[in-house]
C-alpha cells in the first residue's frame, strides 16, 4: 500500500517537473519572438537606388522677354511753344542729336536787355574807378556798382542756360520709340516729349525657380532663339541674378544680348534661352531627383550603410528630367534612399523594401 502511494507521488512529481520544464521552454520561445518583433518594429521601411554613371546630354529651355538696355523719357526743361520737331518715330539718333526746339523769342529779348544792363554797369564801374582817385565817389558807391556788374553777369548766364534748355538733345544713341508732342504745342517744364531706347544692346529677362538656380551662373554664356527669326540664334551673357525672389518665389535673371542689324530684335519680343548641362555629353554620376532632402542649393541624401542610413551633403549639377547630376559627395554604386526619407534621421535603422 505504501509502495503504491510512493509510486503515485513519484509519477506526479515527474509530470510536474515535465510540465514546469515545458512551460519554461515555451516562455523562452515567446520571449524570443517578442524580442524579435520588438527589434523589427524599429526598422523603418525605405526604398533605395544605386548611384549610377550615365553618358548625359541635357538641355533646358527657359522663356523670357527682351527689354531695352537703356530707355530714356525726354522731358521739356523750359516752357514755351514747340517750334520744331527734328525727329520721327523709328528714327535712329546719336548722342547729342537735336530732338526739338522750343520758342525762345521772349528769352532772347530778356538776354538783349540783360546785356544792355551789363554794359551800362561795366561802364559805370570804370567811370567810378577813375573818380575814386579824385575823391569824388566813396568806396561804398564803387562796391555797389561792382555788385551791379556781377548781378548782370549772373542774369545773362541764367538766361543763356534757359536758352540751352530750349534746344532739347538726346542724351543717348538709340531709336525714337515715340513722340508725344506736336509743333505749335505749348509745353511746360517736365512735359514728356519723346522716348528713346537703346537697342544695340538688349536685356533678356527670365524668371527662374529655386530649383533651376543651379544652371544660371553670372558670366555664363547662353544661346537664345526667337519665333521672329527661327533660323537665327543670339549669344547672351548672364549679367545679374537677383538676390531676392518675387511673390511667386522666382528670381529675376538678366542676360545681356548684342543685337543683330540684319535680324534686329525689338523690346517686348519673346525668346527662349537654352541652358545646356555643364557636363553635357560626358560621363556623369546620376541619382533620382526624389532622393534629395531639402533644397538643391543645400542638397543632402540618406546614404545606406549596412542596416542604417547616414545623412550626407552633396553638390548637384544639371537637371536631367527626373534625375540630377551629382558633382560631389557620392561614388558610383553607393546606395541612397529614394522613398521614406520623411521618417528618417541620421543613423536611423532601416529595412529595404524595394
Foldseek 3Di string as FASTA:
>chain_A
DVVVVVVVVVVVVVVVVVVVVVVVVVVVVVVVVVVVVVVVVQAAEFAKDFWAKDQFKDKDKFKWFKAFPDKDFDWQAAWAFWAFAPDDAFDWDAAFAFGTAGDCPVLVVVLVVLVVQLVVLVVVLVVVVVVVVVVPDDPVVNVVSVVSNVVSVVSNVVSVVNNVSRGDGHRHTFGWHDADDDGGDIHHTGHGGTMGTHQQKIKIKTWAAQQCPQQDDAQDKWWKAFPQCRPDIWIWGWHDWDPDADPVRIIITIIMTGADPVRGDDGGGMIMIMGMWPQRRHIFIKDFQLQWDDGQVFTWGWWDDPQWTAIWTFHWTDDDPRMITTDDTDDGGTMTTRPDCVPDDGGRGHDYDD
